[in-house]
N, C-alpha and C. Protein backbone atom coordinates (compact mmCIF):
# COMPACT_ATOMS: atom_id res chain seq x y z
N MET A 1 -21.41 -22.34 15.65
CA MET A 1 -22.63 -22.63 14.78
C MET A 1 -23.31 -21.49 14.31
N LEU A 2 -23.57 -20.30 15.34
CA LEU A 2 -24.14 -19.15 15.04
C LEU A 2 -23.41 -18.37 13.89
N SER A 3 -22.00 -18.51 13.61
CA SER A 3 -21.44 -17.73 12.57
C SER A 3 -21.88 -18.39 11.20
N PHE A 4 -21.71 -19.95 11.34
CA PHE A 4 -22.18 -20.60 9.92
C PHE A 4 -23.47 -20.12 9.54
N SER A 5 -24.53 -20.19 10.46
CA SER A 5 -26.01 -19.95 10.18
C SER A 5 -25.96 -18.54 9.58
N GLY A 6 -25.29 -17.43 10.36
CA GLY A 6 -25.33 -16.17 9.92
C GLY A 6 -24.74 -15.94 8.46
N VAL A 7 -23.55 -16.78 8.06
CA VAL A 7 -23.29 -16.61 6.73
C VAL A 7 -24.07 -17.24 5.77
N VAL A 8 -24.71 -18.13 6.03
CA VAL A 8 -25.54 -19.06 5.09
C VAL A 8 -26.92 -17.96 5.03
N GLY A 9 -27.32 -17.52 6.05
CA GLY A 9 -28.46 -16.68 5.59
C GLY A 9 -28.02 -15.32 5.19
N LEU A 10 -27.11 -14.58 5.31
CA LEU A 10 -26.67 -13.53 4.67
C LEU A 10 -26.40 -13.84 3.26
N THR A 11 -25.69 -14.82 3.06
CA THR A 11 -25.22 -15.21 1.58
C THR A 11 -26.53 -15.56 0.84
N PHE A 12 -27.36 -16.15 1.60
CA PHE A 12 -28.80 -16.29 0.76
C PHE A 12 -29.35 -15.13 0.11
N ILE A 13 -29.41 -14.00 0.96
CA ILE A 13 -29.98 -12.72 0.75
C ILE A 13 -29.24 -12.03 -0.29
N ILE A 14 -27.72 -12.14 -0.11
CA ILE A 14 -27.05 -11.53 -1.07
C ILE A 14 -26.93 -12.38 -2.48
N ASN A 15 -27.20 -13.45 -2.63
CA ASN A 15 -27.02 -14.08 -3.82
C ASN A 15 -28.39 -13.91 -4.59
N LYS A 16 -29.33 -13.24 -4.12
CA LYS A 16 -30.46 -12.95 -4.88
C LYS A 16 -30.17 -11.64 -5.91
N PHE A 17 -29.05 -10.82 -5.33
CA PHE A 17 -28.77 -9.63 -6.00
C PHE A 17 -27.42 -9.69 -6.90
N ARG A 18 -26.53 -10.68 -6.84
CA ARG A 18 -25.31 -10.94 -7.24
C ARG A 18 -25.43 -11.69 -8.66
N ILE A 19 -24.77 -11.34 -9.55
CA ILE A 19 -24.76 -11.93 -10.93
C ILE A 19 -23.85 -13.38 -10.73
N VAL A 20 -22.43 -13.21 -9.95
CA VAL A 20 -21.88 -14.46 -9.66
C VAL A 20 -22.08 -15.03 -8.18
N LYS A 21 -23.09 -15.84 -8.32
CA LYS A 21 -23.36 -16.32 -6.83
C LYS A 21 -22.38 -16.91 -6.01
N LEU A 22 -22.18 -16.84 -4.79
CA LEU A 22 -21.47 -17.27 -3.68
C LEU A 22 -21.83 -18.78 -3.53
N THR A 23 -20.78 -19.94 -3.83
CA THR A 23 -21.25 -21.24 -3.64
C THR A 23 -21.18 -21.76 -2.26
N THR A 24 -21.65 -23.00 -2.10
CA THR A 24 -21.43 -23.40 -0.73
C THR A 24 -20.07 -23.44 -0.28
N LYS A 25 -19.02 -23.68 -1.15
CA LYS A 25 -17.47 -23.88 -0.56
C LYS A 25 -17.25 -22.42 -0.33
N ASP A 26 -17.53 -21.39 -1.01
CA ASP A 26 -17.22 -20.01 -0.50
C ASP A 26 -17.81 -19.81 0.69
N GLN A 27 -18.96 -19.96 1.09
CA GLN A 27 -19.74 -19.69 2.43
C GLN A 27 -19.08 -20.44 3.34
N PHE A 28 -18.42 -21.72 3.27
CA PHE A 28 -17.71 -22.62 4.18
C PHE A 28 -16.24 -21.78 4.50
N ILE A 29 -15.68 -21.21 3.35
CA ILE A 29 -14.31 -20.40 3.62
C ILE A 29 -14.59 -19.23 4.35
N ILE A 30 -15.72 -18.69 4.10
CA ILE A 30 -16.11 -17.50 4.71
C ILE A 30 -16.24 -17.46 6.16
N ALA A 31 -17.08 -18.72 6.66
CA ALA A 31 -17.54 -18.88 8.08
C ALA A 31 -16.20 -19.42 8.84
N TYR A 32 -15.30 -20.30 8.20
CA TYR A 32 -14.35 -20.61 8.69
C TYR A 32 -13.12 -19.78 8.94
N GLY A 33 -13.15 -18.70 8.12
CA GLY A 33 -12.12 -17.64 8.22
C GLY A 33 -12.51 -16.80 9.28
N GLY A 34 -13.51 -16.61 9.68
CA GLY A 34 -13.91 -15.98 10.69
C GLY A 34 -13.84 -16.62 12.11
N LEU A 35 -13.69 -17.84 12.31
CA LEU A 35 -13.42 -18.41 13.36
C LEU A 35 -11.82 -18.67 13.89
N ARG A 36 -10.97 -18.22 12.92
CA ARG A 36 -9.60 -18.33 12.94
C ARG A 36 -8.82 -17.77 14.35
N GLY A 37 -9.70 -16.57 14.55
CA GLY A 37 -8.98 -16.13 15.89
C GLY A 37 -9.49 -16.45 17.12
N ALA A 38 -10.71 -16.96 16.95
CA ALA A 38 -11.50 -17.72 18.16
C ALA A 38 -10.58 -18.97 18.29
N ILE A 39 -10.30 -19.56 17.34
CA ILE A 39 -9.47 -20.91 17.45
C ILE A 39 -8.01 -20.73 18.21
N ALA A 40 -7.64 -19.72 17.49
CA ALA A 40 -5.94 -19.50 17.75
C ALA A 40 -6.08 -19.02 19.50
N PHE A 41 -7.01 -18.23 19.75
CA PHE A 41 -7.04 -17.76 21.16
C PHE A 41 -7.40 -18.78 22.17
N SER A 42 -8.30 -19.75 21.77
CA SER A 42 -8.81 -20.58 22.65
C SER A 42 -7.47 -21.69 22.79
N LEU A 43 -6.76 -22.06 21.73
CA LEU A 43 -5.48 -22.92 21.79
C LEU A 43 -4.55 -22.24 22.83
N GLY A 44 -4.36 -21.07 22.63
CA GLY A 44 -3.28 -20.24 23.39
C GLY A 44 -3.60 -20.16 24.92
N PHE A 45 -4.86 -20.04 25.20
CA PHE A 45 -5.73 -20.07 26.55
C PHE A 45 -5.34 -21.49 27.10
N LEU A 46 -5.47 -22.36 26.48
CA LEU A 46 -5.59 -23.90 26.95
C LEU A 46 -3.94 -24.25 27.43
N LEU A 47 -2.90 -23.38 26.98
CA LEU A 47 -1.76 -23.82 27.47
C LEU A 47 -1.47 -23.73 28.93
N ASP A 48 -0.79 -24.79 29.49
CA ASP A 48 -0.59 -24.74 30.82
C ASP A 48 0.63 -23.89 31.37
N GLU A 49 0.39 -23.08 32.36
CA GLU A 49 1.50 -22.11 32.91
C GLU A 49 2.27 -22.78 33.37
N ARG A 50 2.39 -23.99 34.02
CA ARG A 50 3.45 -24.65 34.71
C ARG A 50 4.33 -25.29 33.49
N HIS A 51 3.86 -25.71 32.29
CA HIS A 51 4.69 -26.35 31.35
C HIS A 51 5.05 -25.39 30.07
N PHE A 52 4.49 -24.04 30.17
CA PHE A 52 4.77 -23.09 29.26
C PHE A 52 4.61 -21.70 29.91
N PRO A 53 5.75 -21.16 30.63
CA PRO A 53 5.70 -20.00 31.33
C PRO A 53 5.47 -18.81 30.65
N MET A 54 5.67 -18.77 29.08
CA MET A 54 5.51 -17.49 28.18
C MET A 54 3.90 -17.64 27.82
N ARG A 55 3.20 -18.19 28.33
CA ARG A 55 1.53 -18.27 28.01
C ARG A 55 1.10 -17.03 27.79
N GLN A 56 1.46 -16.06 28.81
CA GLN A 56 0.72 -14.48 28.65
C GLN A 56 1.42 -13.74 27.31
N MET A 57 2.62 -13.95 26.95
CA MET A 57 3.19 -13.51 26.14
C MET A 57 2.59 -13.81 24.76
N PHE A 58 2.29 -15.31 24.73
CA PHE A 58 1.84 -15.97 23.37
C PHE A 58 0.22 -15.44 23.46
N LEU A 59 -0.41 -15.26 24.47
CA LEU A 59 -1.85 -14.53 24.52
C LEU A 59 -1.91 -13.28 24.02
N THR A 60 -0.93 -12.39 24.38
CA THR A 60 -0.70 -11.25 23.73
C THR A 60 -0.41 -11.06 22.33
N ALA A 61 0.51 -11.90 21.75
CA ALA A 61 0.71 -11.92 20.51
C ALA A 61 -0.45 -12.44 19.65
N ILE A 62 -1.04 -13.34 20.08
CA ILE A 62 -2.43 -13.81 19.45
C ILE A 62 -3.21 -12.78 19.37
N ILE A 63 -3.59 -11.74 20.50
CA ILE A 63 -4.57 -10.97 20.33
C ILE A 63 -4.10 -9.77 19.43
N THR A 64 -2.80 -9.65 19.44
CA THR A 64 -2.31 -8.38 18.51
C THR A 64 -2.53 -8.74 17.04
N VAL A 65 -2.24 -10.15 16.60
CA VAL A 65 -2.52 -10.50 15.44
C VAL A 65 -3.97 -10.46 14.99
N ILE A 66 -4.78 -10.93 16.02
CA ILE A 66 -6.11 -10.81 15.54
C ILE A 66 -6.65 -9.32 15.41
N PHE A 67 -6.21 -8.45 16.15
CA PHE A 67 -6.67 -7.16 16.17
C PHE A 67 -5.90 -6.36 14.74
N PHE A 68 -4.71 -6.63 14.52
CA PHE A 68 -3.96 -6.37 13.23
C PHE A 68 -4.95 -6.85 12.04
N THR A 69 -5.42 -8.07 12.06
CA THR A 69 -5.97 -8.52 10.83
C THR A 69 -7.43 -7.97 10.67
N VAL A 70 -8.04 -7.87 11.66
CA VAL A 70 -9.27 -7.22 11.70
C VAL A 70 -9.30 -5.64 11.37
N PHE A 71 -8.40 -4.89 11.93
CA PHE A 71 -8.34 -3.66 11.83
C PHE A 71 -7.56 -3.04 10.77
N VAL A 72 -6.58 -3.52 10.33
CA VAL A 72 -5.39 -2.98 9.55
C VAL A 72 -5.55 -3.82 8.30
N GLN A 73 -5.26 -5.15 8.40
CA GLN A 73 -5.28 -6.05 7.08
C GLN A 73 -6.40 -5.74 6.16
N VAL A 74 -7.55 -5.60 6.72
CA VAL A 74 -8.86 -5.60 5.94
C VAL A 74 -8.54 -4.20 5.15
N ARG A 75 -8.01 -3.07 5.56
CA ARG A 75 -7.93 -2.01 4.78
C ARG A 75 -6.82 -1.97 3.88
N VAL A 76 -5.84 -2.52 4.16
CA VAL A 76 -4.70 -2.68 3.17
C VAL A 76 -4.40 -4.34 2.83
N PRO A 77 -4.68 -4.80 1.76
CA PRO A 77 -5.04 -6.38 1.48
C PRO A 77 -3.68 -6.85 1.10
N ASN A 78 -2.45 -6.22 0.80
CA ASN A 78 -1.29 -6.89 0.57
C ASN A 78 -0.42 -6.89 1.59
N LEU A 79 -0.94 -7.00 2.97
CA LEU A 79 -0.03 -7.00 4.20
C LEU A 79 0.16 -8.42 4.66
N SER A 80 -0.24 -9.53 3.83
CA SER A 80 -0.18 -10.83 4.46
C SER A 80 1.35 -11.20 4.72
N CYS A 81 2.24 -10.76 3.80
CA CYS A 81 3.54 -11.29 3.95
C CYS A 81 4.31 -10.41 5.34
N PHE A 82 3.79 -9.32 5.32
CA PHE A 82 4.31 -8.48 6.53
C PHE A 82 3.60 -9.21 7.57
N MET A 83 2.49 -9.55 7.78
CA MET A 83 2.08 -10.25 8.85
C MET A 83 2.64 -11.63 9.25
N LEU A 84 3.07 -12.19 8.34
CA LEU A 84 3.84 -13.55 8.42
C LEU A 84 5.20 -13.38 9.07
N SER A 85 5.99 -12.26 8.62
CA SER A 85 7.09 -12.06 9.18
C SER A 85 7.00 -11.53 10.58
N VAL A 86 5.83 -10.76 11.04
CA VAL A 86 5.72 -10.35 12.43
C VAL A 86 5.64 -11.56 13.32
N VAL A 87 4.60 -12.31 12.86
CA VAL A 87 3.97 -13.48 13.62
C VAL A 87 5.34 -14.55 13.88
N SER A 88 6.35 -14.78 12.75
CA SER A 88 7.40 -15.64 13.06
C SER A 88 8.60 -14.89 13.77
N PHE A 89 8.86 -13.58 13.73
CA PHE A 89 9.43 -13.01 14.67
C PHE A 89 9.23 -13.21 16.12
N VAL A 90 7.86 -12.99 16.45
CA VAL A 90 7.25 -12.99 17.59
C VAL A 90 7.47 -14.38 18.21
N VAL A 91 7.24 -15.54 17.35
CA VAL A 91 7.40 -16.94 17.62
C VAL A 91 8.94 -17.21 17.96
N ALA A 92 9.80 -16.48 17.27
CA ALA A 92 11.20 -17.06 17.49
C ALA A 92 11.65 -16.22 18.60
N TYR A 93 11.38 -15.18 18.99
CA TYR A 93 11.52 -14.47 20.17
C TYR A 93 11.15 -15.08 21.46
N CYS A 94 9.86 -15.54 21.38
CA CYS A 94 9.38 -16.51 22.58
C CYS A 94 10.23 -17.61 22.74
N MET A 95 10.57 -18.39 21.49
CA MET A 95 11.26 -19.60 21.65
C MET A 95 12.84 -19.30 22.26
N LEU A 96 13.52 -18.17 21.74
CA LEU A 96 14.59 -17.84 22.07
C LEU A 96 14.78 -17.51 23.63
N TYR A 97 13.67 -16.85 24.11
CA TYR A 97 13.41 -16.34 25.55
C TYR A 97 13.17 -17.54 26.30
N TYR A 98 12.41 -18.45 25.82
CA TYR A 98 12.09 -19.69 26.62
C TYR A 98 13.29 -20.59 26.87
N GLU A 99 14.16 -20.79 26.18
CA GLU A 99 15.49 -21.50 26.06
C GLU A 99 16.41 -20.94 27.14
N ARG A 100 16.51 -19.82 27.51
CA ARG A 100 17.42 -19.20 28.70
C ARG A 100 17.19 -19.72 29.96
């Protein structure tokens, strides 16, 4: 809830100085986009170690993707295809490893 109120408050201030205003839909997308990492990490954290022995590897992959998107992808915007291939590789590796 804090992120939504932060986005709404800051876009209210920013919209006073912008020619093209940010709409409510834009604000929702910005606020939800900031929650993606938290949602992914919490879902991975809720995995039961008895039923999913590769839980620690998934948490490591999730944290790696979060750090990559925060620190690298922000500076180089055309890396989304690269990230998709990295994530699919990690998931495929985990699935193959788990089947053994």
